[in-house]
Amino acid sequence: MKKTVMVVLISHRHEAATKVQAVLTGWGCMIKTRLGIHQGVEENCSENGLLFLDLVGDDEKLSELERKLSVIRGVSARKIDLEIPED
């Protein structure tokens, strides 16, 4: 059995965040869990952010999601397929 996750690194968060959000909204049915992390609060908020996505769905569509995120300036996305060991 396979588990697919994606790690998305966002630099220039204030510029890229709305574009990333639009892509994630369009592909929302394939995102089982989403966790976003960035450093700082309020006026000291970091320009870099990291998203972890737990994904479901067809591998071809998940690869397209990775591509759509990666073409956004300042965004790097990597899909990771993990094999779950059978007992």
C-alpha atoms as a PDB file:
ATOM      1  CA  MET A   1       0.000   0.000   0.000  1.00  0.00           C
ATOM      2  CA  LYS A   2       1.230   3.492  -0.824  1.00  0.00           C
ATOM      3  CA  LYS A   3       0.941   6.767   1.099  1.00  0.00           C
ATOM      4  CA  THR A   4       1.493  10.075  -0.690  1.00  0.00           C
ATOM      5  CA  VAL A   5       2.527  13.294   0.994  1.00  0.00           C
ATOM      6  CA  MET A   6       3.755  16.584  -0.409  1.00  0.00           C
ATOM      7  CA  VAL A   7       6.107  19.125   1.091  1.00  0.00           C
ATOM      8  CA  VAL A   8       5.765  22.694  -0.181  1.00  0.00           C
ATOM      9  CA  LEU A   9       8.384  25.333   0.622  1.00  0.00           C
ATOM     10  CA  ILE A  10       7.184  28.899   0.085  1.00  0.00           C
ATOM     11  CA  SER A  11       9.545  31.856  -0.006  1.00  0.00           C
ATOM     12  CA  HIS A  12       8.158  35.381  -0.276  1.00  0.00           C
ATOM     13  CA  ARG A  13       4.984  34.197   1.482  1.00  0.00           C
ATOM     14  CA  HIS A  14       3.248  37.552   1.178  1.00  0.00           C
ATOM     15  CA  GLU A  15       3.548  37.399  -2.629  1.00  0.00           C
ATOM     16  CA  ALA A  16       2.970  33.670  -3.200  1.00  0.00           C
ATOM     17  CA  ALA A  17       0.430  32.742  -0.508  1.00  0.00           C
ATOM     18  CA  THR A  18      -2.709  33.791  -2.402  1.00  0.00           C
ATOM     19  CA  LYS A  19      -1.600  31.901  -5.531  1.00  0.00           C
ATOM     20  CA  VAL A  20      -0.774  28.800  -3.495  1.00  0.00           C
ATOM     21  CA  GLN A  21      -4.131  29.028  -1.723  1.00  0.00           C
ATOM     22  CA  ALA A  22      -5.968  29.241  -5.067  1.00  0.00           C
ATOM     23  CA  VAL A  23      -4.266  26.053  -6.299  1.00  0.00           C
ATOM     24  CA  LEU A  24      -4.926  24.219  -3.025  1.00  0.00           C
ATOM     25  CA  THR A  25      -8.587  25.256  -3.105  1.00  0.00           C
ATOM     26  CA  GLY A  26      -8.946  23.907  -6.645  1.00  0.00           C
ATOM     27  CA  TRP A  27      -7.419  20.586  -5.643  1.00  0.00           C
ATOM     28  CA  GLY A  28      -8.958  20.483  -2.156  1.00  0.00           C
ATOM     29  CA  CYS A  29     -10.731  17.141  -2.576  1.00  0.00           C
ATOM     30  CA  MET A  30      -7.322  15.453  -2.889  1.00  0.00           C
ATOM     31  CA  ILE A  31      -5.943  17.015   0.296  1.00  0.00           C
ATOM     32  CA  LYS A  32      -6.768  14.875   3.306  1.00  0.00           C
ATOM     33  CA  THR A  33      -4.697  16.873   5.808  1.00  0.00           C
ATOM     34  CA  ARG A  34      -2.839  20.173   5.578  1.00  0.00           C
ATOM     35  CA  LEU A  35      -0.324  21.577   8.054  1.00  0.00           C
ATOM     36  CA  GLY A  36       1.317  24.964   7.574  1.00  0.00           C
ATOM     37  CA  ILE A  37       4.343  26.178   9.510  1.00  0.00           C
ATOM     38  CA  HIS A  38       6.158  29.511   9.521  1.00  0.00           C
ATOM     39  CA  GLN A  39       8.279  31.315  12.086  1.00  0.00           C
ATOM     40  CA  GLY A  40       7.303  34.474  13.857  1.00  0.00           C
ATOM     41  CA  VAL A  41       4.138  36.243  14.829  1.00  0.00           C
ATOM     42  CA  GLU A  42       2.537  39.583  14.041  1.00  0.00           C
ATOM     43  CA  GLU A  43       5.103  42.125  12.803  1.00  0.00           C
ATOM     44  CA  ASN A  44       7.964  39.584  12.972  1.00  0.00           C
ATOM     45  CA  CYS A  45       6.297  37.087  10.626  1.00  0.00           C
ATOM     46  CA  SER A  46       8.695  35.089   8.459  1.00  0.00           C
ATOM     47  CA  GLU A  47       8.656  35.384   4.670  1.00  0.00           C
ATOM     48  CA  ASN A  48       9.251  31.622   4.401  1.00  0.00           C
ATOM     49  CA  GLY A  49       6.684  28.941   5.062  1.00  0.00           C
ATOM     50  CA  LEU A  50       6.384  25.188   4.882  1.00  0.00           C
ATOM     51  CA  LEU A  51       3.282  23.151   4.076  1.00  0.00           C
ATOM     52  CA  PHE A  52       2.827  19.440   4.650  1.00  0.00           C
ATOM     53  CA  LEU A  53      -0.001  17.846   2.647  1.00  0.00           C
ATOM     54  CA  ASP A  54      -1.413  14.344   3.188  1.00  0.00           C
ATOM     55  CA  LEU A  55      -2.847  13.447  -0.227  1.00  0.00           C
ATOM     56  CA  VAL A  56      -5.260  10.952  -1.735  1.00  0.00           C
ATOM     57  CA  GLY A  57      -6.114  10.241  -5.347  1.00  0.00           C
ATOM     58  CA  ASP A  58      -4.735   9.308  -8.720  1.00  0.00           C
ATOM     59  CA  ASP A  59      -0.948   9.598  -9.070  1.00  0.00           C
ATOM     60  CA  GLU A  60      -1.227  11.490 -12.357  1.00  0.00           C
ATOM     61  CA  LYS A  61      -3.447  14.145 -10.776  1.00  0.00           C
ATOM     62  CA  LEU A  62      -1.182  14.418  -7.732  1.00  0.00           C
ATOM     63  CA  SER A  63       1.790  14.984 -10.044  1.00  0.00           C
ATOM     64  CA  GLU A  64      -0.193  17.741 -11.764  1.00  0.00           C
ATOM     65  CA  LEU A  65      -0.835  19.375  -8.367  1.00  0.00           C
ATOM     66  CA  GLU A  66       2.913  19.265  -7.710  1.00  0.00           C
ATOM     67  CA  ARG A  67       3.576  20.882 -11.096  1.00  0.00           C
ATOM     68  CA  LYS A  68       0.955  23.612 -10.601  1.00  0.00           C
ATOM     69  CA  LEU A  69       2.443  24.568  -7.240  1.00  0.00           C
ATOM     70  CA  SER A  70       6.035  24.454  -8.519  1.00  0.00           C
ATOM     71  CA  VAL A  71       5.408  26.941 -11.337  1.00  0.00           C
ATOM     72  CA  ILE A  72       4.464  29.637  -8.813  1.00  0.00           C
ATOM     73  CA  ARG A  73       7.423  31.983  -8.302  1.00  0.00           C
ATOM     74  CA  GLY A  74       9.073  31.289  -4.948  1.00  0.00           C
ATOM     75  CA  VAL A  75       7.414  27.894  -4.443  1.00  0.00           C
ATOM     76  CA  SER A  76       9.075  24.481  -4.421  1.00  0.00           C
ATOM     77  CA  ALA A  77       6.838  21.400  -4.146  1.00  0.00           C
ATOM     78  CA  ARG A  78       7.859  17.748  -3.865  1.00  0.00           C
ATOM     79  CA  LYS A  79       5.523  14.764  -3.891  1.00  0.00           C
ATOM     80  CA  ILE A  80       6.752  11.823  -1.831  1.00  0.00           C
ATOM     81  CA  ASP A  81       5.376   8.308  -2.218  1.00  0.00           C
ATOM     82  CA  LEU A  82       5.952   6.037   0.764  1.00  0.00           C
ATOM     83  CA  GLU A  83       5.307   2.325   0.758  1.00  0.00           C
ATOM     84  CA  ILE A  84       3.518   1.045   3.826  1.00  0.00           C
ATOM     85  CA  PRO A  85       5.108  -2.268   4.851  1.00  0.00           C
ATOM     86  CA  GLU A  86       2.763  -5.228   4.947  1.00  0.00           C
ATOM     87  CA  ASP A  87       2.736  -7.247   8.132  1.00  0.00           C
END
